[in-house]
N, C-alpha and C. Protein backbone atom coordinates (compact mmCIF):
# COMPACT_ATOMS: atom_id res chain seq x y z
N UNK A 1 -74.64 -148.07 -84.75
CA UNK A 1 -73.94 -147.77 -85.98
C UNK A 1 -74.32 -146.38 -86.48
N UNK A 2 -75.58 -145.97 -86.31
CA UNK A 2 -76.01 -144.66 -86.76
C UNK A 2 -75.27 -143.54 -86.01
N UNK A 3 -75.02 -143.72 -84.75
CA UNK A 3 -74.32 -142.71 -83.97
C UNK A 3 -72.90 -142.51 -84.51
N UNK A 4 -72.22 -143.60 -84.84
CA UNK A 4 -70.88 -143.48 -85.40
C UNK A 4 -70.91 -142.73 -86.73
N UNK A 5 -71.90 -143.01 -87.58
CA UNK A 5 -72.00 -142.33 -88.87
C UNK A 5 -72.22 -140.84 -88.67
N UNK A 6 -73.10 -140.49 -87.74
CA UNK A 6 -73.36 -139.08 -87.48
C UNK A 6 -72.09 -138.38 -86.99
N UNK A 7 -71.31 -139.07 -86.18
CA UNK A 7 -70.07 -138.49 -85.69
C UNK A 7 -69.11 -138.24 -86.85
N UNK A 8 -68.95 -139.21 -87.72
CA UNK A 8 -68.06 -139.05 -88.88
C UNK A 8 -68.59 -138.00 -89.84
N UNK A 9 -69.89 -137.95 -90.02
CA UNK A 9 -70.50 -137.01 -90.94
C UNK A 9 -70.16 -135.57 -90.58
N UNK A 10 -70.04 -135.27 -89.31
CA UNK A 10 -69.73 -133.92 -88.87
C UNK A 10 -68.27 -133.54 -89.06
N UNK A 11 -67.42 -134.48 -89.45
CA UNK A 11 -65.99 -134.22 -89.57
C UNK A 11 -65.52 -134.07 -91.01
N UNK A 12 -66.43 -133.77 -91.92
CA UNK A 12 -66.02 -133.62 -93.32
C UNK A 12 -65.41 -132.24 -93.54
N UNK A 13 -64.67 -132.14 -94.63
CA UNK A 13 -64.05 -130.88 -95.01
C UNK A 13 -64.24 -130.73 -96.51
N UNK A 14 -64.63 -129.54 -96.96
CA UNK A 14 -64.75 -129.35 -98.41
C UNK A 14 -63.43 -128.81 -98.96
N UNK A 15 -63.36 -128.75 -100.28
CA UNK A 15 -62.12 -128.37 -100.95
C UNK A 15 -61.69 -126.94 -100.63
N UNK A 16 -62.63 -126.02 -100.54
CA UNK A 16 -62.28 -124.64 -100.17
C UNK A 16 -61.70 -124.57 -98.76
N UNK A 17 -62.28 -125.34 -97.83
CA UNK A 17 -61.75 -125.37 -96.47
C UNK A 17 -60.34 -125.94 -96.45
N UNK A 18 -60.10 -126.96 -97.25
CA UNK A 18 -58.78 -127.59 -97.31
C UNK A 18 -57.73 -126.59 -97.82
N UNK A 19 -58.02 -125.93 -98.92
CA UNK A 19 -57.09 -124.94 -99.46
C UNK A 19 -56.92 -123.79 -98.47
N UNK A 20 -58.01 -123.38 -97.83
CA UNK A 20 -57.93 -122.33 -96.82
C UNK A 20 -57.05 -122.70 -95.64
N UNK A 21 -57.09 -123.96 -95.26
CA UNK A 21 -56.24 -124.42 -94.16
C UNK A 21 -54.76 -124.32 -94.56
N UNK A 22 -54.46 -124.67 -95.80
CA UNK A 22 -53.08 -124.58 -96.28
C UNK A 22 -52.63 -123.12 -96.32
N UNK A 23 -53.46 -122.25 -96.90
CA UNK A 23 -53.11 -120.83 -97.01
C UNK A 23 -52.92 -120.21 -95.63
N UNK A 24 -53.69 -120.65 -94.66
CA UNK A 24 -53.59 -120.11 -93.30
C UNK A 24 -52.49 -120.74 -92.46
N UNK A 25 -51.74 -121.66 -93.02
CA UNK A 25 -50.70 -122.35 -92.25
C UNK A 25 -49.38 -121.59 -92.32
N UNK A 26 -48.45 -122.02 -91.50
CA UNK A 26 -47.10 -121.45 -91.52
C UNK A 26 -46.09 -122.58 -91.73
N UNK A 27 -44.86 -122.21 -91.96
CA UNK A 27 -43.79 -123.20 -92.19
C UNK A 27 -43.71 -124.22 -91.06
N UNK A 28 -43.95 -123.78 -89.84
CA UNK A 28 -43.86 -124.66 -88.67
C UNK A 28 -44.95 -125.73 -88.65
N UNK A 29 -46.00 -125.54 -89.46
CA UNK A 29 -47.10 -126.51 -89.52
C UNK A 29 -46.79 -127.68 -90.45
N UNK A 30 -45.65 -127.66 -91.13
CA UNK A 30 -45.36 -128.65 -92.17
C UNK A 30 -44.08 -129.41 -91.88
N UNK A 31 -44.13 -130.69 -92.19
CA UNK A 31 -42.94 -131.55 -92.15
C UNK A 31 -42.50 -131.77 -93.59
N UNK A 32 -41.36 -131.20 -93.96
CA UNK A 32 -40.86 -131.25 -95.33
C UNK A 32 -40.00 -132.48 -95.55
N UNK A 33 -40.27 -133.17 -96.65
CA UNK A 33 -39.45 -134.30 -97.09
C UNK A 33 -38.97 -133.93 -98.49
N UNK A 34 -37.70 -133.54 -98.60
CA UNK A 34 -37.18 -133.06 -99.88
C UNK A 34 -36.08 -133.97 -100.41
N UNK A 35 -35.93 -133.94 -101.73
CA UNK A 35 -34.87 -134.69 -102.41
C UNK A 35 -34.89 -136.18 -102.10
N UNK A 36 -36.08 -136.72 -101.95
CA UNK A 36 -36.23 -138.16 -101.74
C UNK A 36 -37.34 -138.62 -102.68
N UNK A 37 -37.46 -139.90 -102.91
CA UNK A 37 -38.60 -140.34 -103.74
C UNK A 37 -39.90 -139.86 -103.11
N UNK A 38 -40.71 -139.19 -103.91
CA UNK A 38 -41.98 -138.67 -103.39
C UNK A 38 -43.10 -139.68 -103.60
N UNK A 39 -42.90 -140.61 -104.50
CA UNK A 39 -43.91 -141.58 -104.88
C UNK A 39 -45.16 -140.89 -105.44
N UNK A 40 -44.95 -139.72 -105.98
CA UNK A 40 -45.98 -138.95 -106.69
C UNK A 40 -45.49 -138.81 -108.12
N UNK A 41 -45.48 -139.93 -108.83
CA UNK A 41 -44.83 -140.01 -110.13
C UNK A 41 -45.80 -139.82 -111.30
N UNK A 42 -45.23 -139.32 -112.39
CA UNK A 42 -45.94 -139.21 -113.66
C UNK A 42 -45.18 -140.11 -114.64
N UNK A 43 -45.82 -141.17 -115.08
CA UNK A 43 -45.21 -142.12 -116.01
C UNK A 43 -45.68 -141.81 -117.42
N UNK A 44 -44.74 -141.80 -118.35
CA UNK A 44 -45.09 -141.53 -119.74
C UNK A 44 -44.24 -142.43 -120.63
N UNK A 45 -44.91 -143.13 -121.56
CA UNK A 45 -44.22 -144.01 -122.49
C UNK A 45 -43.90 -143.27 -123.78
N UNK A 46 -42.67 -143.40 -124.23
CA UNK A 46 -42.23 -142.79 -125.48
C UNK A 46 -41.75 -143.90 -126.42
N UNK A 47 -42.22 -143.85 -127.66
CA UNK A 47 -41.68 -144.78 -128.64
C UNK A 47 -40.21 -144.44 -128.91
N UNK A 48 -39.88 -143.13 -128.82
CA UNK A 48 -38.51 -142.67 -128.97
C UNK A 48 -38.26 -141.58 -127.94
N UNK A 49 -37.21 -141.69 -127.12
CA UNK A 49 -36.88 -140.70 -126.11
C UNK A 49 -35.37 -140.52 -126.10
N UNK A 50 -34.92 -139.32 -126.44
CA UNK A 50 -33.49 -139.00 -126.49
C UNK A 50 -32.70 -140.07 -127.24
N UNK A 51 -33.24 -140.47 -128.41
CA UNK A 51 -32.57 -141.42 -129.27
C UNK A 51 -32.73 -142.88 -128.88
N UNK A 52 -33.43 -143.14 -127.82
CA UNK A 52 -33.63 -144.52 -127.36
C UNK A 52 -35.07 -144.94 -127.64
N UNK A 53 -35.27 -146.17 -128.16
CA UNK A 53 -36.63 -146.64 -128.44
C UNK A 53 -37.30 -147.21 -127.19
N UNK A 54 -38.63 -147.10 -127.16
CA UNK A 54 -39.46 -147.73 -126.13
C UNK A 54 -38.99 -147.42 -124.71
N UNK A 55 -39.16 -146.17 -124.32
CA UNK A 55 -38.69 -145.72 -123.02
C UNK A 55 -39.89 -145.34 -122.15
N UNK A 56 -39.88 -145.84 -120.93
CA UNK A 56 -40.85 -145.42 -119.93
C UNK A 56 -40.15 -144.35 -119.09
N UNK A 57 -40.60 -143.11 -119.22
CA UNK A 57 -39.98 -141.98 -118.53
C UNK A 57 -40.77 -141.68 -117.26
N UNK A 58 -40.04 -141.51 -116.17
CA UNK A 58 -40.66 -141.19 -114.89
C UNK A 58 -40.27 -139.77 -114.49
N UNK A 59 -41.27 -138.95 -114.26
CA UNK A 59 -41.05 -137.62 -113.70
C UNK A 59 -41.75 -137.61 -112.34
N UNK A 60 -41.14 -136.96 -111.37
CA UNK A 60 -41.70 -137.01 -110.02
C UNK A 60 -41.57 -135.66 -109.34
N UNK A 61 -42.40 -135.46 -108.35
CA UNK A 61 -42.27 -134.31 -107.46
C UNK A 61 -41.07 -134.59 -106.54
N UNK A 62 -40.09 -133.70 -106.48
CA UNK A 62 -38.97 -133.94 -105.58
C UNK A 62 -39.23 -133.52 -104.13
N UNK A 63 -40.31 -132.78 -103.89
CA UNK A 63 -40.60 -132.31 -102.53
C UNK A 63 -42.01 -132.67 -102.12
N UNK A 64 -42.13 -133.13 -100.89
CA UNK A 64 -43.41 -133.48 -100.29
C UNK A 64 -43.44 -132.85 -98.90
N UNK A 65 -44.61 -132.38 -98.50
CA UNK A 65 -44.77 -131.85 -97.14
C UNK A 65 -46.05 -132.43 -96.54
N UNK A 66 -45.96 -132.76 -95.27
CA UNK A 66 -47.08 -133.31 -94.52
C UNK A 66 -47.53 -132.26 -93.51
N UNK A 67 -48.83 -132.00 -93.48
CA UNK A 67 -49.40 -131.02 -92.55
C UNK A 67 -49.43 -131.65 -91.16
N UNK A 68 -48.64 -131.15 -90.26
CA UNK A 68 -48.46 -131.76 -88.94
C UNK A 68 -49.76 -131.85 -88.15
N UNK A 69 -50.62 -130.81 -88.11
CA UNK A 69 -51.86 -130.92 -87.35
C UNK A 69 -52.85 -131.95 -87.90
N UNK A 70 -52.73 -132.31 -89.19
CA UNK A 70 -53.66 -133.28 -89.79
C UNK A 70 -52.92 -133.99 -90.93
N UNK A 71 -52.36 -135.17 -90.64
CA UNK A 71 -51.52 -135.86 -91.62
C UNK A 71 -52.30 -136.39 -92.83
N UNK A 72 -53.62 -136.21 -92.84
CA UNK A 72 -54.38 -136.58 -94.04
C UNK A 72 -54.18 -135.54 -95.15
N UNK A 73 -53.54 -134.40 -94.83
CA UNK A 73 -53.27 -133.34 -95.80
C UNK A 73 -51.79 -133.36 -96.14
N UNK A 74 -51.49 -133.54 -97.42
CA UNK A 74 -50.10 -133.49 -97.89
C UNK A 74 -50.05 -132.67 -99.18
N UNK A 75 -48.87 -132.17 -99.47
CA UNK A 75 -48.63 -131.47 -100.73
C UNK A 75 -47.35 -132.01 -101.35
N UNK A 76 -47.29 -131.97 -102.67
CA UNK A 76 -46.08 -132.33 -103.39
C UNK A 76 -45.88 -131.31 -104.49
N UNK A 77 -44.62 -130.96 -104.76
CA UNK A 77 -44.35 -129.98 -105.81
C UNK A 77 -42.99 -130.25 -106.44
N UNK A 78 -42.85 -129.70 -107.64
CA UNK A 78 -41.60 -129.84 -108.38
C UNK A 78 -41.75 -130.55 -109.71
N UNK A 79 -42.86 -131.24 -109.92
CA UNK A 79 -43.13 -131.89 -111.20
C UNK A 79 -43.27 -130.81 -112.26
N UNK A 80 -42.47 -130.87 -113.31
CA UNK A 80 -42.46 -129.81 -114.31
C UNK A 80 -43.54 -130.02 -115.37
N UNK A 81 -44.13 -128.92 -115.81
CA UNK A 81 -45.03 -128.96 -116.96
C UNK A 81 -44.41 -128.22 -118.14
N UNK A 82 -43.36 -127.44 -117.88
CA UNK A 82 -42.66 -126.75 -118.96
C UNK A 82 -41.22 -126.51 -118.52
N UNK A 83 -40.28 -127.03 -119.28
CA UNK A 83 -38.86 -126.92 -118.93
C UNK A 83 -38.32 -125.51 -119.10
N UNK A 84 -38.74 -124.83 -120.15
CA UNK A 84 -38.18 -123.51 -120.45
C UNK A 84 -39.31 -122.50 -120.57
N UNK A 85 -39.71 -121.91 -119.45
CA UNK A 85 -40.79 -120.94 -119.40
C UNK A 85 -40.23 -119.58 -119.76
N UNK A 86 -40.83 -118.91 -120.74
CA UNK A 86 -40.34 -117.60 -121.16
C UNK A 86 -41.48 -116.61 -121.25
N UNK A 87 -41.38 -115.57 -120.47
CA UNK A 87 -42.25 -114.40 -120.57
C UNK A 87 -41.39 -113.20 -120.22
N UNK A 88 -41.80 -112.04 -120.68
CA UNK A 88 -40.99 -110.83 -120.47
C UNK A 88 -40.72 -110.55 -119.00
N UNK A 89 -41.68 -110.84 -118.11
CA UNK A 89 -41.49 -110.52 -116.70
C UNK A 89 -40.35 -111.32 -116.08
N UNK A 90 -40.01 -112.48 -116.63
CA UNK A 90 -38.89 -113.28 -116.11
C UNK A 90 -37.56 -112.55 -116.25
N UNK A 91 -37.48 -111.67 -117.25
CA UNK A 91 -36.23 -110.93 -117.50
C UNK A 91 -35.92 -109.92 -116.41
N UNK A 92 -36.86 -109.66 -115.52
CA UNK A 92 -36.66 -108.70 -114.44
C UNK A 92 -35.87 -109.28 -113.28
N UNK A 93 -35.58 -110.59 -113.33
CA UNK A 93 -34.83 -111.25 -112.27
C UNK A 93 -33.37 -111.41 -112.70
N UNK A 94 -32.44 -111.48 -111.75
CA UNK A 94 -31.03 -111.62 -112.11
C UNK A 94 -30.77 -112.80 -113.06
N UNK A 95 -31.44 -113.91 -112.83
CA UNK A 95 -31.35 -115.05 -113.73
C UNK A 95 -32.75 -115.29 -114.30
N UNK A 96 -32.99 -114.93 -115.56
CA UNK A 96 -34.34 -115.02 -116.12
C UNK A 96 -34.78 -116.44 -116.49
N UNK A 97 -33.91 -117.43 -116.30
CA UNK A 97 -34.29 -118.80 -116.63
C UNK A 97 -35.41 -119.24 -115.68
N UNK A 98 -36.45 -119.78 -116.25
CA UNK A 98 -37.60 -120.20 -115.45
C UNK A 98 -38.19 -121.48 -116.02
N UNK A 99 -38.94 -122.19 -115.20
CA UNK A 99 -39.69 -123.34 -115.68
C UNK A 99 -41.02 -123.41 -114.93
N UNK A 100 -41.97 -124.07 -115.57
CA UNK A 100 -43.28 -124.22 -114.97
C UNK A 100 -43.38 -125.53 -114.22
N UNK A 101 -44.05 -125.50 -113.09
CA UNK A 101 -44.23 -126.70 -112.28
C UNK A 101 -45.63 -126.78 -111.72
N UNK A 102 -45.90 -127.89 -111.05
CA UNK A 102 -47.19 -128.12 -110.41
C UNK A 102 -47.01 -128.28 -108.91
N UNK A 103 -48.00 -127.80 -108.15
CA UNK A 103 -48.17 -128.15 -106.75
C UNK A 103 -49.43 -128.99 -106.69
N UNK A 104 -49.32 -130.17 -106.13
CA UNK A 104 -50.47 -131.05 -105.97
C UNK A 104 -50.82 -131.15 -104.50
N UNK A 105 -52.11 -131.06 -104.19
CA UNK A 105 -52.62 -131.18 -102.83
C UNK A 105 -53.34 -132.52 -102.74
N UNK A 106 -53.01 -133.27 -101.69
CA UNK A 106 -53.61 -134.58 -101.47
C UNK A 106 -54.36 -134.58 -100.15
N UNK A 107 -55.50 -135.25 -100.15
CA UNK A 107 -56.27 -135.45 -98.93
C UNK A 107 -56.54 -136.94 -98.82
N UNK A 108 -56.11 -137.54 -97.72
CA UNK A 108 -56.20 -139.00 -97.57
C UNK A 108 -55.60 -139.72 -98.78
N UNK A 109 -54.47 -139.20 -99.24
CA UNK A 109 -53.69 -139.76 -100.34
C UNK A 109 -54.36 -139.65 -101.71
N UNK A 110 -55.46 -138.93 -101.80
CA UNK A 110 -56.12 -138.71 -103.09
C UNK A 110 -55.77 -137.31 -103.58
N UNK A 111 -55.40 -137.22 -104.85
CA UNK A 111 -55.12 -135.92 -105.45
C UNK A 111 -56.44 -135.16 -105.55
N UNK A 112 -56.52 -134.00 -104.86
CA UNK A 112 -57.76 -133.23 -104.84
C UNK A 112 -57.63 -131.84 -105.45
N UNK A 113 -56.40 -131.37 -105.63
CA UNK A 113 -56.23 -130.03 -106.20
C UNK A 113 -54.84 -129.94 -106.81
N UNK A 114 -54.76 -129.28 -107.98
CA UNK A 114 -53.48 -129.03 -108.66
C UNK A 114 -53.47 -127.59 -109.12
N UNK A 115 -52.34 -126.92 -108.91
CA UNK A 115 -52.17 -125.56 -109.41
C UNK A 115 -50.77 -125.44 -110.02
N UNK A 116 -50.68 -124.60 -111.03
CA UNK A 116 -49.41 -124.38 -111.73
C UNK A 116 -48.71 -123.17 -111.13
N UNK A 117 -47.41 -123.18 -111.22
CA UNK A 117 -46.60 -122.06 -110.77
C UNK A 117 -45.40 -121.95 -111.68
N UNK A 118 -44.58 -120.93 -111.46
CA UNK A 118 -43.36 -120.73 -112.23
C UNK A 118 -42.20 -120.55 -111.25
N UNK A 119 -41.16 -121.39 -111.42
CA UNK A 119 -39.91 -121.20 -110.68
C UNK A 119 -39.08 -120.23 -111.49
N UNK A 120 -38.59 -119.20 -110.87
CA UNK A 120 -37.79 -118.22 -111.59
C UNK A 120 -36.59 -117.83 -110.75
N UNK A 121 -35.53 -117.43 -111.42
CA UNK A 121 -34.29 -116.97 -110.82
C UNK A 121 -33.49 -118.17 -110.32
N UNK A 122 -32.23 -117.94 -110.17
CA UNK A 122 -31.32 -119.01 -109.75
C UNK A 122 -31.69 -119.55 -108.38
N UNK A 123 -32.27 -118.71 -107.54
CA UNK A 123 -32.63 -119.13 -106.18
C UNK A 123 -33.98 -119.85 -106.17
N UNK A 124 -34.67 -119.84 -107.27
CA UNK A 124 -35.93 -120.59 -107.45
C UNK A 124 -37.07 -120.08 -106.58
N UNK A 125 -37.57 -118.91 -106.91
CA UNK A 125 -38.75 -118.40 -106.24
C UNK A 125 -39.99 -118.94 -106.94
N UNK A 126 -40.90 -119.58 -106.22
CA UNK A 126 -42.13 -120.04 -106.88
C UNK A 126 -43.17 -118.93 -106.94
N UNK A 127 -43.56 -118.56 -108.13
CA UNK A 127 -44.56 -117.51 -108.30
C UNK A 127 -45.80 -118.09 -108.95
N UNK A 128 -46.98 -117.60 -108.55
CA UNK A 128 -48.20 -118.12 -109.18
C UNK A 128 -48.29 -117.69 -110.63
N UNK A 129 -49.04 -118.45 -111.42
CA UNK A 129 -49.28 -118.07 -112.82
C UNK A 129 -50.21 -116.87 -112.82
N UNK A 130 -49.92 -115.91 -113.67
CA UNK A 130 -50.81 -114.75 -113.76
C UNK A 130 -51.99 -115.09 -114.66
N UNK A 131 -53.06 -114.34 -114.50
CA UNK A 131 -54.24 -114.54 -115.33
C UNK A 131 -53.94 -114.10 -116.75
N UNK A 132 -54.64 -114.66 -117.68
CA UNK A 132 -54.41 -114.34 -119.09
C UNK A 132 -54.79 -112.89 -119.36
N UNK A 133 -54.11 -112.28 -120.28
CA UNK A 133 -54.39 -110.91 -120.65
C UNK A 133 -53.15 -110.05 -120.53
N UNK A 134 -53.30 -108.79 -120.87
CA UNK A 134 -52.17 -107.88 -120.89
C UNK A 134 -51.68 -107.56 -119.48
N UNK A 135 -52.59 -107.45 -118.52
CA UNK A 135 -52.21 -107.12 -117.15
C UNK A 135 -51.62 -108.35 -116.47
N UNK A 136 -50.59 -108.15 -115.70
CA UNK A 136 -49.97 -109.24 -114.96
C UNK A 136 -50.63 -109.37 -113.59
N UNK A 137 -51.88 -109.83 -113.59
CA UNK A 137 -52.62 -109.95 -112.35
C UNK A 137 -52.49 -111.37 -111.80
N UNK A 138 -52.28 -111.43 -110.47
CA UNK A 138 -52.25 -112.71 -109.77
C UNK A 138 -53.23 -112.63 -108.61
N UNK A 139 -53.88 -113.75 -108.34
CA UNK A 139 -54.86 -113.80 -107.26
C UNK A 139 -54.15 -113.78 -105.90
N UNK A 140 -54.69 -113.00 -104.98
CA UNK A 140 -54.13 -112.90 -103.63
C UNK A 140 -54.02 -114.27 -102.98
N UNK A 141 -55.06 -115.08 -103.10
CA UNK A 141 -55.03 -116.42 -102.51
C UNK A 141 -53.94 -117.29 -103.11
N UNK A 142 -53.73 -117.18 -104.44
CA UNK A 142 -52.68 -117.95 -105.10
C UNK A 142 -51.31 -117.52 -104.58
N UNK A 143 -51.15 -116.22 -104.34
CA UNK A 143 -49.88 -115.71 -103.80
C UNK A 143 -49.66 -116.26 -102.39
N UNK A 144 -50.70 -116.24 -101.57
CA UNK A 144 -50.58 -116.75 -100.21
C UNK A 144 -50.27 -118.25 -100.22
N UNK A 145 -50.89 -118.97 -101.13
CA UNK A 145 -50.63 -120.40 -101.27
C UNK A 145 -49.17 -120.65 -101.64
N UNK A 146 -48.68 -119.93 -102.66
CA UNK A 146 -47.30 -120.11 -103.10
C UNK A 146 -46.30 -119.62 -102.06
N UNK A 147 -46.71 -118.66 -101.25
CA UNK A 147 -45.83 -118.19 -100.18
C UNK A 147 -45.59 -119.29 -99.15
N UNK A 148 -46.60 -120.14 -98.92
CA UNK A 148 -46.42 -121.30 -98.03
C UNK A 148 -45.36 -122.23 -98.63
N UNK A 149 -45.46 -122.49 -99.93
CA UNK A 149 -44.47 -123.34 -100.60
C UNK A 149 -43.09 -122.69 -100.51
N UNK A 150 -43.02 -121.39 -100.79
CA UNK A 150 -41.76 -120.66 -100.73
C UNK A 150 -41.12 -120.75 -99.35
N UNK A 151 -41.94 -120.72 -98.31
CA UNK A 151 -41.40 -120.76 -96.94
C UNK A 151 -40.71 -122.08 -96.64
N UNK A 152 -41.00 -123.10 -97.43
CA UNK A 152 -40.37 -124.40 -97.20
C UNK A 152 -39.13 -124.61 -98.06
N UNK A 153 -38.65 -123.53 -98.69
CA UNK A 153 -37.45 -123.64 -99.52
C UNK A 153 -36.26 -124.14 -98.71
N UNK A 154 -35.33 -124.77 -99.40
CA UNK A 154 -34.17 -125.34 -98.72
C UNK A 154 -33.28 -124.26 -98.12
N UNK A 155 -33.13 -123.14 -98.79
CA UNK A 155 -32.29 -122.06 -98.26
C UNK A 155 -33.19 -121.01 -97.62
N UNK A 156 -32.78 -120.54 -96.47
CA UNK A 156 -33.57 -119.51 -95.80
C UNK A 156 -33.52 -118.23 -96.62
N UNK A 157 -34.65 -117.56 -96.73
CA UNK A 157 -34.73 -116.30 -97.46
C UNK A 157 -34.19 -115.19 -96.56
N UNK A 158 -33.38 -114.30 -97.11
CA UNK A 158 -32.91 -113.17 -96.30
C UNK A 158 -34.10 -112.35 -95.80
N UNK A 159 -34.00 -111.82 -94.62
CA UNK A 159 -35.10 -111.06 -94.01
C UNK A 159 -35.50 -109.87 -94.86
N UNK A 160 -34.58 -109.29 -95.59
CA UNK A 160 -34.89 -108.10 -96.38
C UNK A 160 -35.58 -108.44 -97.70
N UNK A 161 -35.63 -109.70 -98.06
CA UNK A 161 -36.16 -110.08 -99.36
C UNK A 161 -37.39 -110.97 -99.19
N UNK A 162 -38.48 -110.38 -98.86
CA UNK A 162 -39.72 -111.12 -98.63
C UNK A 162 -40.38 -111.51 -99.94
N UNK A 163 -41.29 -112.44 -99.85
CA UNK A 163 -41.99 -112.96 -101.03
C UNK A 163 -42.67 -111.84 -101.82
N UNK A 164 -43.26 -110.88 -101.14
CA UNK A 164 -43.96 -109.80 -101.82
C UNK A 164 -43.03 -108.99 -102.73
N UNK A 165 -41.76 -108.89 -102.35
CA UNK A 165 -40.82 -108.14 -103.19
C UNK A 165 -40.61 -108.87 -104.52
N UNK A 166 -40.69 -110.19 -104.53
CA UNK A 166 -40.57 -110.94 -105.78
C UNK A 166 -41.78 -110.69 -106.68
N UNK A 167 -42.95 -110.56 -106.08
CA UNK A 167 -44.15 -110.26 -106.86
C UNK A 167 -44.02 -108.88 -107.50
N UNK A 168 -43.53 -107.91 -106.73
CA UNK A 168 -43.33 -106.56 -107.27
C UNK A 168 -42.28 -106.56 -108.37
N UNK A 169 -41.19 -107.27 -108.15
CA UNK A 169 -40.12 -107.33 -109.15
C UNK A 169 -40.65 -107.89 -110.47
N UNK A 170 -41.49 -108.89 -110.40
CA UNK A 170 -42.07 -109.48 -111.61
C UNK A 170 -43.02 -108.52 -112.30
N UNK A 171 -43.51 -107.52 -111.56
CA UNK A 171 -44.47 -106.58 -112.12
C UNK A 171 -45.90 -107.05 -111.97
N UNK A 172 -46.13 -108.00 -111.06
CA UNK A 172 -47.47 -108.53 -110.84
C UNK A 172 -48.30 -107.56 -110.02
N UNK A 173 -49.58 -107.51 -110.32
CA UNK A 173 -50.55 -106.79 -109.52
C UNK A 173 -51.40 -107.83 -108.80
N UNK A 174 -51.43 -107.76 -107.48
CA UNK A 174 -52.18 -108.72 -106.69
C UNK A 174 -53.63 -108.24 -106.60
N UNK A 175 -54.56 -109.10 -107.01
CA UNK A 175 -55.98 -108.78 -106.97
C UNK A 175 -56.68 -109.71 -105.99
N UNK A 176 -57.63 -109.17 -105.27
CA UNK A 176 -58.36 -109.94 -104.27
C UNK A 176 -59.70 -110.36 -104.84
N UNK A 177 -59.74 -111.58 -105.36
CA UNK A 177 -60.99 -112.13 -105.86
C UNK A 177 -61.05 -113.59 -105.46
N UNK A 178 -62.15 -114.23 -105.74
CA UNK A 178 -62.33 -115.61 -105.32
C UNK A 178 -61.23 -116.50 -105.89
N UNK A 179 -60.57 -117.22 -104.99
CA UNK A 179 -59.54 -118.16 -105.37
C UNK A 179 -59.55 -119.30 -104.37
N UNK A 180 -59.39 -120.50 -104.77
CA UNK A 180 -59.32 -120.95 -106.17
C UNK A 180 -60.70 -121.05 -106.78
N UNK A 181 -60.71 -121.12 -108.08
CA UNK A 181 -61.95 -121.38 -108.79
C UNK A 181 -61.90 -122.83 -109.25
N UNK A 182 -63.04 -123.47 -109.22
CA UNK A 182 -63.12 -124.88 -109.60
C UNK A 182 -64.05 -125.03 -110.79
N UNK A 183 -63.69 -125.89 -111.70
CA UNK A 183 -64.55 -126.19 -112.84
C UNK A 183 -65.57 -127.22 -112.42
N UNK A 184 -66.76 -127.10 -112.99
CA UNK A 184 -67.82 -128.06 -112.66
C UNK A 184 -67.98 -129.04 -113.79
């Protein structure tokens, strides 16, 4: 029994390694399941919802992806945290309408990491949230993470319009510092 435990003990992965594996992946590493029940639901009870009493509202991630090399790693995204996101940088896109969403990372079906992003423009480019302050700084790792999500979009991106051009259009400055940061 001890030999089996030692074997399993050597196969652990920490949270930074997990996020690093996602950032280092490509579109071909993921099996996308879109526009289907994700079973990653957020249930909220309202005493009053759109004029109706006692409503249980279900919000869900509409997209899920499974990491093909290791199916214990999955991601889900699309659950909104803000319906109408407004900041000046959104106005730089042809359609400035934006909303805030979450990307959730699961390991062995347990939620292990959540990050916020902003969908902007009619074509829905997912951009990372910038750090607080006057400068529109975004972490390089967050950009690489969101670029993986962007690569799984339903419509193929034109070759001339790469993800980095969306970052420039928004006026973001990409900074290379430790990402992600975790609270203790």
